[in-house]
Amino acid sequence: MITKIIEKAINEQIRKEEDSSRIYLSMASWSQVNGFQGAAEWLYAQSDEERMHELKLIHYLNDRGGTAQLADLEIPTTKFKSLLDVFQQVLKHEEYISASINEIYAISIKQNDYSTGNFLQWYITEQIEEESTAKAVLDQIQLAGEEKGGLFHMDKELAALAAKKRASQLAAATTNAGI
């Protein structure tokens, strides 16, 4: 049985993961409208991934005797200055999510809920990867500057990353479905 303190913390994380999905969806839409199809594909895939993170938390909480609850969400911004601005916000958001996961982990240890702590290890590892990827993309966009050729190349790189992310998501879905 999960404690009410852990249940509350996981429900808050569920909200954050759903919010993350919507934030990336908004960024993807902006990217698509502004001619960055590769960035849009990557951000759409990222949005889907965040929803999978949310679902994983929902299933865990319900399976452990808690009750997952969905909460109201704010409307994400649709205004970005540039692709650089988008990915600066991506990195900042991933750092925020990492801090939130770490906070839940600390609560789980304080509550002697080692099962939840173990479950959260996957998220901790995932966040290291998410921050690393966001930082690498941001670094490359900064190197490209405002040069159209550099941004075009970066957009193609993001399309390739999106294809890899989609393949990984498909493999995970297939494994989880027992196919």
N, C-alpha and C. Protein backbone atom coordinates (compact mmCIF):
# COMPACT_ATOMS: atom_id res chain seq x y z
N MET A 1 0.85 -1.19 0.00
CA MET A 1 0.00 0.00 0.00
C MET A 1 0.89 1.24 0.00
N ILE A 2 0.49 2.18 -0.77
CA ILE A 2 1.26 3.42 -0.91
C ILE A 2 0.73 4.46 0.09
N THR A 3 1.60 5.28 0.64
CA THR A 3 1.16 6.28 1.60
C THR A 3 0.50 7.46 0.87
N LYS A 4 -0.31 8.18 1.60
CA LYS A 4 -0.99 9.36 1.03
C LYS A 4 0.03 10.42 0.58
N ILE A 5 1.14 10.52 1.29
CA ILE A 5 2.17 11.49 0.92
C ILE A 5 2.76 11.14 -0.44
N ILE A 6 3.06 9.86 -0.64
CA ILE A 6 3.60 9.42 -1.93
C ILE A 6 2.53 9.54 -3.01
N GLU A 7 1.31 9.17 -2.69
CA GLU A 7 0.21 9.27 -3.65
C GLU A 7 0.06 10.72 -4.15
N LYS A 8 0.11 11.65 -3.21
CA LYS A 8 -0.02 13.07 -3.58
C LYS A 8 1.15 13.50 -4.48
N ALA A 9 2.35 13.09 -4.13
CA ALA A 9 3.53 13.47 -4.91
C ALA A 9 3.48 12.87 -6.32
N ILE A 10 3.05 11.62 -6.43
CA ILE A 10 2.96 10.99 -7.75
C ILE A 10 1.85 11.63 -8.57
N ASN A 11 0.73 11.94 -7.93
CA ASN A 11 -0.34 12.63 -8.66
C ASN A 11 0.13 13.98 -9.19
N GLU A 12 0.93 14.67 -8.42
CA GLU A 12 1.48 15.94 -8.90
C GLU A 12 2.41 15.70 -10.08
N GLN A 13 3.19 14.61 -10.03
CA GLN A 13 4.08 14.30 -11.15
C GLN A 13 3.27 13.90 -12.38
N ILE A 14 2.17 13.22 -12.19
CA ILE A 14 1.29 12.89 -13.31
C ILE A 14 0.86 14.17 -14.00
N ARG A 15 0.47 15.17 -13.22
CA ARG A 15 0.07 16.46 -13.79
C ARG A 15 1.23 17.09 -14.55
N LYS A 16 2.42 17.02 -13.99
CA LYS A 16 3.59 17.61 -14.65
C LYS A 16 3.93 16.91 -15.95
N GLU A 17 3.77 15.59 -15.97
CA GLU A 17 4.06 14.84 -17.21
C GLU A 17 3.02 15.17 -18.28
N GLU A 18 1.76 15.28 -17.88
CA GLU A 18 0.72 15.66 -18.84
C GLU A 18 0.97 17.08 -19.35
N ASP A 19 1.34 17.96 -18.45
CA ASP A 19 1.67 19.33 -18.83
C ASP A 19 2.87 19.34 -19.79
N SER A 20 3.86 18.51 -19.51
CA SER A 20 5.03 18.40 -20.39
C SER A 20 4.61 18.01 -21.80
N SER A 21 3.72 17.04 -21.89
CA SER A 21 3.24 16.60 -23.19
C SER A 21 2.62 17.76 -23.96
N ARG A 22 1.82 18.54 -23.28
CA ARG A 22 1.15 19.68 -23.93
C ARG A 22 2.14 20.79 -24.28
N ILE A 23 3.11 21.01 -23.44
CA ILE A 23 4.13 22.03 -23.73
C ILE A 23 4.88 21.65 -25.00
N TYR A 24 5.29 20.39 -25.10
CA TYR A 24 6.02 19.94 -26.29
C TYR A 24 5.11 19.92 -27.52
N LEU A 25 3.84 19.65 -27.33
CA LEU A 25 2.90 19.71 -28.44
C LEU A 25 2.80 21.14 -28.98
N SER A 26 2.76 22.10 -28.09
CA SER A 26 2.71 23.50 -28.49
C SER A 26 4.00 23.91 -29.22
N MET A 27 5.14 23.47 -28.70
CA MET A 27 6.42 23.76 -29.35
C MET A 27 6.49 23.10 -30.73
N ALA A 28 5.96 21.88 -30.83
CA ALA A 28 5.95 21.16 -32.11
C ALA A 28 5.11 21.91 -33.13
N SER A 29 3.97 22.38 -32.71
CA SER A 29 3.09 23.12 -33.61
C SER A 29 3.78 24.39 -34.10
N TRP A 30 4.41 25.12 -33.17
CA TRP A 30 5.14 26.33 -33.56
C TRP A 30 6.23 25.99 -34.56
N SER A 31 6.98 24.93 -34.30
CA SER A 31 8.07 24.52 -35.18
C SER A 31 7.55 24.18 -36.57
N GLN A 32 6.46 23.44 -36.61
CA GLN A 32 5.90 23.04 -37.90
C GLN A 32 5.46 24.27 -38.70
N VAL A 33 4.77 25.18 -38.06
CA VAL A 33 4.28 26.39 -38.73
C VAL A 33 5.43 27.28 -39.20
N ASN A 34 6.56 27.21 -38.50
CA ASN A 34 7.69 28.07 -38.83
C ASN A 34 8.76 27.37 -39.69
N GLY A 35 8.39 26.24 -40.29
CA GLY A 35 9.25 25.61 -41.26
C GLY A 35 10.31 24.66 -40.72
N PHE A 36 10.24 24.34 -39.45
CA PHE A 36 11.20 23.43 -38.84
C PHE A 36 10.55 22.06 -38.69
N GLN A 37 10.35 21.37 -39.80
CA GLN A 37 9.64 20.10 -39.79
C GLN A 37 10.35 19.04 -38.95
N GLY A 38 11.68 19.00 -39.02
CA GLY A 38 12.43 18.03 -38.22
C GLY A 38 12.27 18.29 -36.73
N ALA A 39 12.34 19.55 -36.34
CA ALA A 39 12.14 19.91 -34.94
C ALA A 39 10.72 19.55 -34.52
N ALA A 40 9.75 19.82 -35.40
CA ALA A 40 8.35 19.49 -35.10
C ALA A 40 8.21 17.99 -34.87
N GLU A 41 8.80 17.19 -35.75
CA GLU A 41 8.71 15.73 -35.60
C GLU A 41 9.30 15.29 -34.26
N TRP A 42 10.47 15.85 -33.91
CA TRP A 42 11.11 15.49 -32.65
C TRP A 42 10.23 15.89 -31.46
N LEU A 43 9.68 17.08 -31.53
CA LEU A 43 8.85 17.57 -30.42
C LEU A 43 7.52 16.83 -30.34
N TYR A 44 6.93 16.44 -31.47
CA TYR A 44 5.73 15.62 -31.43
C TYR A 44 6.04 14.27 -30.77
N ALA A 45 7.18 13.68 -31.14
CA ALA A 45 7.59 12.41 -30.52
C ALA A 45 7.85 12.60 -29.03
N GLN A 46 8.44 13.73 -28.68
CA GLN A 46 8.70 14.03 -27.27
C GLN A 46 7.39 14.17 -26.51
N SER A 47 6.41 14.81 -27.12
CA SER A 47 5.09 14.95 -26.50
C SER A 47 4.49 13.58 -26.22
N ASP A 48 4.57 12.69 -27.20
CA ASP A 48 4.06 11.33 -27.01
C ASP A 48 4.79 10.61 -25.89
N GLU A 49 6.11 10.81 -25.83
CA GLU A 49 6.91 10.16 -24.80
C GLU A 49 6.50 10.63 -23.41
N GLU A 50 6.24 11.91 -23.28
CA GLU A 50 5.83 12.45 -21.97
C GLU A 50 4.49 11.85 -21.55
N ARG A 51 3.61 11.63 -22.51
CA ARG A 51 2.33 11.00 -22.19
C ARG A 51 2.56 9.57 -21.72
N MET A 52 3.51 8.88 -22.31
CA MET A 52 3.82 7.52 -21.86
C MET A 52 4.38 7.54 -20.43
N HIS A 53 5.17 8.56 -20.12
CA HIS A 53 5.67 8.71 -18.75
C HIS A 53 4.50 8.89 -17.79
N GLU A 54 3.54 9.70 -18.20
CA GLU A 54 2.34 9.93 -17.39
C GLU A 54 1.58 8.62 -17.16
N LEU A 55 1.37 7.87 -18.24
CA LEU A 55 0.64 6.61 -18.12
C LEU A 55 1.36 5.61 -17.22
N LYS A 56 2.66 5.58 -17.31
CA LYS A 56 3.45 4.67 -16.46
C LYS A 56 3.23 5.01 -14.98
N LEU A 57 3.20 6.31 -14.66
CA LEU A 57 2.93 6.74 -13.29
C LEU A 57 1.51 6.39 -12.86
N ILE A 58 0.55 6.59 -13.75
CA ILE A 58 -0.84 6.27 -13.44
C ILE A 58 -0.98 4.78 -13.11
N HIS A 59 -0.42 3.94 -13.96
CA HIS A 59 -0.51 2.49 -13.72
C HIS A 59 0.18 2.10 -12.41
N TYR A 60 1.36 2.67 -12.17
CA TYR A 60 2.08 2.34 -10.94
C TYR A 60 1.26 2.72 -9.71
N LEU A 61 0.75 3.93 -9.70
CA LEU A 61 0.00 4.40 -8.54
C LEU A 61 -1.25 3.55 -8.32
N ASN A 62 -1.99 3.28 -9.38
CA ASN A 62 -3.19 2.45 -9.24
C ASN A 62 -2.85 1.02 -8.81
N ASP A 63 -1.78 0.46 -9.36
CA ASP A 63 -1.36 -0.90 -9.01
C ASP A 63 -0.90 -1.02 -7.56
N ARG A 64 -0.41 0.07 -7.00
CA ARG A 64 0.11 0.03 -5.62
C ARG A 64 -0.94 0.42 -4.58
N GLY A 65 -2.19 0.56 -5.01
CA GLY A 65 -3.27 0.82 -4.06
C GLY A 65 -3.62 2.29 -3.92
N GLY A 66 -3.00 3.13 -4.69
CA GLY A 66 -3.36 4.54 -4.68
C GLY A 66 -4.41 4.80 -5.75
N THR A 67 -4.73 6.06 -5.93
CA THR A 67 -5.68 6.45 -6.96
C THR A 67 -5.10 7.61 -7.76
N ALA A 68 -4.86 7.34 -9.04
CA ALA A 68 -4.36 8.39 -9.92
C ALA A 68 -5.48 9.39 -10.20
N GLN A 69 -5.12 10.66 -10.16
CA GLN A 69 -6.10 11.71 -10.42
C GLN A 69 -5.51 12.70 -11.41
N LEU A 70 -6.33 13.06 -12.38
CA LEU A 70 -5.92 14.06 -13.35
C LEU A 70 -6.32 15.43 -12.83
N ALA A 71 -5.51 16.42 -13.15
CA ALA A 71 -5.74 17.77 -12.64
C ALA A 71 -5.90 18.76 -13.79
N ASP A 72 -6.40 19.93 -13.47
CA ASP A 72 -6.49 21.00 -14.46
C ASP A 72 -5.10 21.38 -14.92
N LEU A 73 -5.01 21.80 -16.17
CA LEU A 73 -3.73 22.22 -16.73
C LEU A 73 -3.83 23.63 -17.27
N GLU A 74 -2.70 24.32 -17.25
CA GLU A 74 -2.64 25.64 -17.86
C GLU A 74 -2.45 25.49 -19.36
N ILE A 75 -2.87 26.48 -20.10
CA ILE A 75 -2.67 26.48 -21.54
C ILE A 75 -1.21 26.84 -21.80
N PRO A 76 -0.48 26.00 -22.53
CA PRO A 76 0.93 26.31 -22.78
C PRO A 76 1.07 27.47 -23.78
N THR A 77 2.20 28.14 -23.69
CA THR A 77 2.45 29.24 -24.61
C THR A 77 2.56 28.72 -26.04
N THR A 78 2.20 29.56 -26.97
CA THR A 78 2.33 29.22 -28.39
C THR A 78 3.28 30.19 -29.08
N LYS A 79 3.90 31.04 -28.30
CA LYS A 79 4.77 32.08 -28.86
C LYS A 79 6.22 31.82 -28.47
N PHE A 80 7.05 31.68 -29.49
CA PHE A 80 8.48 31.46 -29.30
C PHE A 80 9.22 32.40 -30.23
N LYS A 81 10.39 32.86 -29.81
CA LYS A 81 11.17 33.81 -30.61
C LYS A 81 11.91 33.13 -31.75
N SER A 82 12.34 31.90 -31.51
CA SER A 82 13.21 31.21 -32.47
C SER A 82 13.32 29.75 -32.07
N LEU A 83 13.97 28.97 -32.93
CA LEU A 83 14.24 27.58 -32.58
C LEU A 83 15.16 27.51 -31.36
N LEU A 84 16.08 28.43 -31.28
CA LEU A 84 16.96 28.51 -30.10
C LEU A 84 16.12 28.70 -28.84
N ASP A 85 15.16 29.60 -28.88
CA ASP A 85 14.28 29.85 -27.75
C ASP A 85 13.51 28.59 -27.36
N VAL A 86 13.00 27.87 -28.36
CA VAL A 86 12.27 26.62 -28.09
C VAL A 86 13.15 25.66 -27.31
N PHE A 87 14.37 25.44 -27.78
CA PHE A 87 15.21 24.43 -27.13
C PHE A 87 15.84 24.92 -25.82
N GLN A 88 15.96 26.22 -25.64
CA GLN A 88 16.34 26.72 -24.32
C GLN A 88 15.24 26.37 -23.32
N GLN A 89 13.99 26.52 -23.77
CA GLN A 89 12.87 26.17 -22.89
C GLN A 89 12.75 24.66 -22.68
N VAL A 90 13.07 23.87 -23.70
CA VAL A 90 13.07 22.42 -23.55
C VAL A 90 14.05 22.01 -22.44
N LEU A 91 15.27 22.53 -22.51
CA LEU A 91 16.27 22.18 -21.50
C LEU A 91 15.83 22.63 -20.11
N LYS A 92 15.35 23.85 -20.01
CA LYS A 92 14.89 24.37 -18.71
C LYS A 92 13.76 23.49 -18.16
N HIS A 93 12.85 23.07 -19.03
CA HIS A 93 11.74 22.24 -18.58
C HIS A 93 12.22 20.86 -18.13
N GLU A 94 13.15 20.27 -18.87
CA GLU A 94 13.67 18.95 -18.48
C GLU A 94 14.39 19.03 -17.13
N GLU A 95 15.10 20.11 -16.89
CA GLU A 95 15.76 20.30 -15.59
C GLU A 95 14.72 20.40 -14.47
N TYR A 96 13.62 21.08 -14.75
CA TYR A 96 12.52 21.20 -13.79
C TYR A 96 11.92 19.82 -13.48
N ILE A 97 11.71 19.02 -14.52
CA ILE A 97 11.15 17.67 -14.32
C ILE A 97 12.13 16.79 -13.55
N SER A 98 13.41 16.91 -13.85
CA SER A 98 14.42 16.14 -13.12
C SER A 98 14.38 16.47 -11.63
N ALA A 99 14.30 17.75 -11.31
CA ALA A 99 14.24 18.17 -9.91
C ALA A 99 12.98 17.60 -9.24
N SER A 100 11.89 17.58 -9.96
CA SER A 100 10.64 17.06 -9.42
C SER A 100 10.74 15.55 -9.14
N ILE A 101 11.30 14.81 -10.07
CA ILE A 101 11.49 13.36 -9.88
C ILE A 101 12.42 13.11 -8.68
N ASN A 102 13.49 13.87 -8.60
CA ASN A 102 14.41 13.72 -7.47
C ASN A 102 13.73 14.00 -6.14
N GLU A 103 12.82 14.97 -6.14
CA GLU A 103 12.08 15.30 -4.92
C GLU A 103 11.18 14.13 -4.50
N ILE A 104 10.51 13.52 -5.46
CA ILE A 104 9.66 12.37 -5.13
C ILE A 104 10.52 11.21 -4.63
N TYR A 105 11.68 11.02 -5.25
CA TYR A 105 12.59 9.97 -4.79
C TYR A 105 12.98 10.22 -3.33
N ALA A 106 13.33 11.45 -3.01
CA ALA A 106 13.71 11.78 -1.63
C ALA A 106 12.56 11.52 -0.67
N ILE A 107 11.35 11.87 -1.08
CA ILE A 107 10.17 11.61 -0.24
C ILE A 107 9.98 10.11 -0.05
N SER A 108 10.17 9.35 -1.13
CA SER A 108 9.98 7.88 -1.02
C SER A 108 10.98 7.27 -0.04
N ILE A 109 12.20 7.74 -0.07
CA ILE A 109 13.21 7.22 0.87
C ILE A 109 12.85 7.62 2.30
N LYS A 110 12.43 8.87 2.47
CA LYS A 110 12.04 9.35 3.80
C LYS A 110 10.85 8.56 4.34
N GLN A 111 9.96 8.13 3.45
CA GLN A 111 8.77 7.36 3.83
C GLN A 111 9.06 5.86 3.92
N ASN A 112 10.32 5.46 3.71
CA ASN A 112 10.71 4.04 3.67
C ASN A 112 9.93 3.27 2.60
N ASP A 113 9.61 3.94 1.52
CA ASP A 113 8.91 3.31 0.40
C ASP A 113 9.95 2.99 -0.67
N TYR A 114 10.65 1.89 -0.45
CA TYR A 114 11.75 1.52 -1.34
C TYR A 114 11.25 1.00 -2.69
N SER A 115 10.03 0.50 -2.73
CA SER A 115 9.46 0.08 -4.01
C SER A 115 9.28 1.28 -4.94
N THR A 116 8.76 2.36 -4.39
CA THR A 116 8.60 3.57 -5.20
C THR A 116 9.97 4.13 -5.56
N GLY A 117 10.90 4.10 -4.64
CA GLY A 117 12.26 4.55 -4.94
C GLY A 117 12.85 3.76 -6.09
N ASN A 118 12.66 2.45 -6.05
CA ASN A 118 13.15 1.59 -7.13
C ASN A 118 12.45 1.92 -8.45
N PHE A 119 11.14 2.08 -8.41
CA PHE A 119 10.37 2.45 -9.60
C PHE A 119 10.88 3.76 -10.19
N LEU A 120 11.19 4.72 -9.35
CA LEU A 120 11.63 6.05 -9.82
C LEU A 120 13.03 6.04 -10.43
N GLN A 121 13.80 4.98 -10.19
CA GLN A 121 15.14 4.90 -10.80
C GLN A 121 15.05 4.99 -12.32
N TRP A 122 14.04 4.38 -12.90
CA TRP A 122 13.86 4.45 -14.35
C TRP A 122 13.71 5.92 -14.79
N TYR A 123 12.90 6.68 -14.04
CA TYR A 123 12.69 8.09 -14.37
C TYR A 123 13.97 8.91 -14.20
N ILE A 124 14.72 8.61 -13.16
CA ILE A 124 15.98 9.33 -12.92
C ILE A 124 16.93 9.11 -14.10
N THR A 125 17.06 7.86 -14.52
CA THR A 125 17.92 7.54 -15.67
C THR A 125 17.39 8.22 -16.94
N GLU A 126 16.09 8.17 -17.13
CA GLU A 126 15.46 8.80 -18.29
C GLU A 126 15.72 10.30 -18.32
N GLN A 127 15.66 10.93 -17.17
CA GLN A 127 15.88 12.38 -17.11
C GLN A 127 17.32 12.76 -17.42
N ILE A 128 18.26 11.92 -17.04
CA ILE A 128 19.66 12.17 -17.40
C ILE A 128 19.78 12.19 -18.92
N GLU A 129 19.15 11.22 -19.57
CA GLU A 129 19.16 11.15 -21.04
C GLU A 129 18.43 12.35 -21.66
N GLU A 130 17.29 12.71 -21.11
CA GLU A 130 16.51 13.83 -21.64
C GLU A 130 17.29 15.14 -21.57
N GLU A 131 17.92 15.40 -20.43
CA GLU A 131 18.71 16.63 -20.29
C GLU A 131 19.90 16.62 -21.22
N SER A 132 20.57 15.49 -21.33
CA SER A 132 21.73 15.37 -22.21
C SER A 132 21.36 15.63 -23.66
N THR A 133 20.26 15.05 -24.11
CA THR A 133 19.81 15.25 -25.48
C THR A 133 19.43 16.70 -25.72
N ALA A 134 18.67 17.28 -24.81
CA ALA A 134 18.25 18.69 -24.96
C ALA A 134 19.47 19.61 -25.00
N LYS A 135 20.44 19.34 -24.15
CA LYS A 135 21.66 20.17 -24.10
C LYS A 135 22.45 20.02 -25.41
N ALA A 136 22.55 18.80 -25.92
CA ALA A 136 23.29 18.58 -27.18
C ALA A 136 22.61 19.29 -28.34
N VAL A 137 21.29 19.22 -28.42
CA VAL A 137 20.55 19.91 -29.48
C VAL A 137 20.73 21.41 -29.33
N LEU A 138 20.60 21.91 -28.13
CA LEU A 138 20.75 23.34 -27.87
C LEU A 138 22.16 23.81 -28.26
N ASP A 139 23.17 23.04 -27.91
CA ASP A 139 24.55 23.39 -28.28
C ASP A 139 24.71 23.50 -29.80
N GLN A 140 24.11 22.55 -30.52
CA GLN A 140 24.22 22.57 -31.98
C GLN A 140 23.47 23.74 -32.59
N ILE A 141 22.32 24.06 -32.04
CA ILE A 141 21.56 25.22 -32.53
C ILE A 141 22.35 26.50 -32.27
N GLN A 142 22.99 26.58 -31.11
CA GLN A 142 23.80 27.76 -30.80
C GLN A 142 24.99 27.86 -31.75
N LEU A 143 25.59 26.72 -32.10
CA LEU A 143 26.69 26.73 -33.07
C LEU A 143 26.23 27.21 -34.44
N ALA A 144 25.03 26.81 -34.82
CA ALA A 144 24.47 27.21 -36.11
C ALA A 144 24.17 28.69 -36.14
N GLY A 145 23.87 29.26 -34.99
CA GLY A 145 23.52 30.67 -34.94
C GLY A 145 22.27 30.93 -35.76
N GLU A 146 22.25 32.05 -36.44
CA GLU A 146 21.11 32.40 -37.28
C GLU A 146 21.33 32.02 -38.73
N GLU A 147 22.40 31.29 -39.00
CA GLU A 147 22.70 30.87 -40.37
C GLU A 147 21.64 29.87 -40.84
N LYS A 148 20.99 30.21 -41.93
CA LYS A 148 19.92 29.34 -42.45
C LYS A 148 20.43 27.95 -42.79
N GLY A 149 21.62 27.85 -43.35
CA GLY A 149 22.18 26.54 -43.69
C GLY A 149 22.41 25.69 -42.46
N GLY A 150 22.91 26.31 -41.40
CA GLY A 150 23.14 25.59 -40.15
C GLY A 150 21.84 25.14 -39.52
N LEU A 151 20.83 26.02 -39.54
CA LEU A 151 19.54 25.65 -38.98
C LEU A 151 18.86 24.57 -39.82
N PHE A 152 19.03 24.63 -41.13
CA PHE A 152 18.48 23.60 -42.01
C PHE A 152 19.11 22.25 -41.67
N HIS A 153 20.43 22.24 -41.51
CA HIS A 153 21.13 21.01 -41.15
C HIS A 153 20.67 20.50 -39.79
N MET A 154 20.53 21.40 -38.85
CA MET A 154 20.08 21.00 -37.50
C MET A 154 18.68 20.43 -37.56
N ASP A 155 17.81 21.01 -38.39
CA ASP A 155 16.45 20.51 -38.52
C ASP A 155 16.47 19.08 -39.08
N LYS A 156 17.36 18.80 -40.02
CA LYS A 156 17.49 17.44 -40.57
C LYS A 156 17.98 16.48 -39.48
N GLU A 157 18.90 16.94 -38.64
CA GLU A 157 19.38 16.11 -37.53
C GLU A 157 18.24 15.78 -36.57
N LEU A 158 17.39 16.77 -36.32
CA LEU A 158 16.25 16.54 -35.42
C LEU A 158 15.26 15.55 -36.03
N ALA A 159 15.09 15.59 -37.35
CA ALA A 159 14.23 14.61 -38.01
C ALA A 159 14.78 13.20 -37.81
N ALA A 160 16.09 13.06 -37.92
CA ALA A 160 16.72 11.74 -37.70
C ALA A 160 16.56 11.29 -36.25
N LEU A 161 16.73 12.22 -35.32
CA LEU A 161 16.53 11.89 -33.90
C LEU A 161 15.07 11.50 -33.64
N ALA A 162 14.14 12.18 -34.31
CA ALA A 162 12.72 11.86 -34.15
C ALA A 162 12.44 10.45 -34.65
N ALA A 163 13.04 10.08 -35.77
CA ALA A 163 12.83 8.73 -36.32
C ALA A 163 13.33 7.68 -35.34
N LYS A 164 14.50 7.93 -34.73
CA LYS A 164 15.04 7.00 -33.73
C LYS A 164 14.12 6.92 -32.52
N LYS A 165 13.61 8.08 -32.08
CA LYS A 165 12.73 8.12 -30.91
C LYS A 165 11.45 7.35 -31.21
N ARG A 166 10.89 7.53 -32.40
CA ARG A 166 9.66 6.82 -32.77
C ARG A 166 9.89 5.31 -32.81
N ALA A 167 11.03 4.89 -33.35
CA ALA A 167 11.36 3.46 -33.40
C ALA A 167 11.48 2.90 -31.99
N SER A 168 12.09 3.65 -31.11
CA SER A 168 12.24 3.23 -29.72
C SER A 168 10.87 3.15 -29.02
N GLN A 169 10.01 4.13 -29.28
CA GLN A 169 8.68 4.11 -28.69
C GLN A 169 7.87 2.91 -29.20
N LEU A 170 8.00 2.62 -30.48
CA LEU A 170 7.29 1.48 -31.06
C LEU A 170 7.78 0.17 -30.44
N ALA A 171 9.10 0.05 -30.28
CA ALA A 171 9.66 -1.14 -29.67
C ALA A 171 9.17 -1.31 -28.23
N ALA A 172 9.12 -0.21 -27.49
CA ALA A 172 8.66 -0.26 -26.10
C ALA A 172 7.18 -0.62 -26.04
N ALA A 173 6.39 -0.05 -26.93
CA ALA A 173 4.95 -0.35 -26.95
C ALA A 173 4.71 -1.82 -27.31
N THR A 174 5.50 -2.32 -28.24
CA THR A 174 5.38 -3.72 -28.65
C THR A 174 5.74 -4.65 -27.50
N THR A 175 6.81 -4.32 -26.79
CA THR A 175 7.24 -5.11 -25.64
C THR A 175 6.19 -5.07 -24.53
N ASN A 176 5.67 -3.88 -24.25
CA ASN A 176 4.67 -3.73 -23.18
C ASN A 176 3.36 -4.42 -23.53
N ALA A 177 3.05 -4.54 -24.82
CA ALA A 177 1.83 -5.20 -25.24
C ALA A 177 1.98 -6.70 -25.32
N GLY A 178 3.22 -7.19 -25.13
CA GLY A 178 3.48 -8.62 -25.17
C GLY A 178 3.53 -9.17 -26.58
N ILE A 179 3.77 -8.29 -27.54
CA ILE A 179 3.81 -8.72 -28.95
C ILE A 179 5.19 -9.23 -29.29
